[in-house]
Amino acid sequence: MTADTDPVPPRDACAVVVRLLWDYLDGELASDRLAAIEAHLQGCRDCAGHYAFAERFLHTVRDRWPDATDEDEALRARVLRRLRDEGFHAA
């Protein structure tokens, strides 16, 4: 297994969960990792806050671009990729 498919390790779990939130929201994780992140989100107020923001952000982006052009889709993809790359750290 690679680091991105191993279940979330207990040590540094918050950093891993926040880094993988975008993949989690996009449904791109293996089932064992998905279950581990869901369990962590249920018990961690800080990560649950990151999740709530990320989910609202994605819904807002999708709601604002229901008839997105290819150019709009490319911009949205770049924004989401950049947020993922940055590990999404809210202030």
Protein backbone atom coordinates (compact mmCIF):
# COMPACT_ATOMS: atom_id res chain seq x y z
CA MET A 1 0.00 0.00 0.00
CA THR A 2 1.13 3.52 -0.64
CA ALA A 3 0.93 6.38 1.83
CA ASP A 4 -2.24 7.63 0.10
CA THR A 5 -4.03 4.29 0.38
CA ASP A 6 -2.97 3.25 3.90
CA PRO A 7 -5.57 3.88 6.60
CA VAL A 8 -5.03 7.12 8.49
CA PRO A 9 -2.26 6.60 11.05
CA PRO A 10 -3.14 7.72 14.60
CA ARG A 11 -0.05 9.94 14.83
CA ASP A 12 -0.41 13.06 12.69
CA ALA A 13 -3.95 12.01 11.75
CA CYS A 14 -5.22 15.59 11.57
CA ALA A 15 -2.54 16.59 9.05
CA VAL A 16 -3.35 13.54 6.92
CA VAL A 17 -7.10 14.10 7.09
CA VAL A 18 -6.85 17.78 6.14
CA ARG A 19 -4.49 16.96 3.27
CA LEU A 20 -6.91 14.33 1.93
CA LEU A 21 -10.17 16.25 2.38
CA TRP A 22 -10.47 17.17 -1.29
CA ASP A 23 -9.90 13.58 -2.40
CA TYR A 24 -12.39 12.46 0.26
CA LEU A 25 -15.02 14.91 -0.99
CA ASP A 26 -14.40 13.81 -4.58
CA GLY A 27 -14.82 10.13 -3.63
CA GLU A 28 -11.30 9.28 -4.76
CA LEU A 29 -10.11 7.29 -1.71
CA ALA A 30 -9.90 3.56 -1.06
CA SER A 31 -12.64 2.23 1.23
CA ASP A 32 -10.34 1.62 4.21
CA ARG A 33 -8.95 5.16 4.05
CA LEU A 34 -12.46 6.54 3.53
CA ALA A 35 -13.71 4.78 6.66
CA ALA A 36 -10.73 5.96 8.69
CA ILE A 37 -11.27 9.57 7.65
CA GLU A 38 -14.99 9.39 8.40
CA ALA A 39 -14.25 8.01 11.86
CA HIS A 40 -11.68 10.74 12.48
CA LEU A 41 -14.07 13.49 11.33
CA GLN A 42 -16.73 12.26 13.76
CA GLY A 43 -14.36 12.60 16.70
CA CYS A 44 -12.23 15.64 15.83
CA ARG A 45 -13.80 19.09 16.08
CA ASP A 46 -10.89 20.82 14.29
CA CYS A 47 -10.94 18.50 11.27
CA ALA A 48 -14.74 18.56 11.20
CA GLY A 49 -14.48 22.33 10.83
CA HIS A 50 -12.08 21.97 7.90
CA TYR A 51 -14.44 19.45 6.35
CA ALA A 52 -17.49 21.70 6.80
CA PHE A 53 -15.70 24.61 5.11
CA ALA A 54 -14.40 22.47 2.24
CA GLU A 55 -17.83 20.98 1.65
CA ARG A 56 -19.50 24.43 1.65
CA PHE A 57 -16.81 25.73 -0.68
CA LEU A 58 -17.33 22.91 -3.17
CA HIS A 59 -21.11 23.31 -3.07
CA THR A 60 -20.76 27.04 -3.63
CA VAL A 61 -18.43 26.53 -6.58
CA ARG A 62 -20.72 23.92 -8.11
CA ASP A 63 -23.85 26.00 -7.49
CA ARG A 64 -22.31 29.11 -9.03
CA TRP A 65 -21.23 27.26 -12.19
CA PRO A 66 -24.17 25.02 -13.10
CA ASP A 67 -23.72 25.86 -16.79
CA ALA A 68 -19.94 26.10 -16.72
CA THR A 69 -18.05 26.37 -19.95
CA ASP A 70 -14.85 24.42 -20.57
CA GLU A 71 -12.92 27.52 -19.57
CA ASP A 72 -14.88 27.81 -16.29
CA GLU A 73 -14.30 24.13 -15.59
CA ALA A 74 -10.57 24.60 -16.15
CA LEU A 75 -10.52 27.50 -13.68
CA ARG A 76 -12.49 25.52 -11.12
CA ALA A 77 -10.12 22.57 -11.53
CA ARG A 78 -7.09 24.85 -11.07
CA VAL A 79 -8.56 26.38 -7.88
CA LEU A 80 -9.38 22.99 -6.41
CA ARG A 81 -5.99 21.55 -7.38
CA ARG A 82 -4.22 24.50 -5.76
CA LEU A 83 -6.21 24.09 -2.56
CA ARG A 84 -5.35 20.39 -2.48
CA ASP A 85 -1.67 21.12 -3.15
CA GLU A 86 -1.64 23.62 -0.31
CA GLY A 87 -3.18 21.07 2.06
CA PHE A 88 -6.01 23.52 2.75
CA HIS A 89 -5.07 25.26 5.95
CA ALA A 90 -7.85 27.56 7.14
CA ALA A 91 -6.95 30.61 9.19
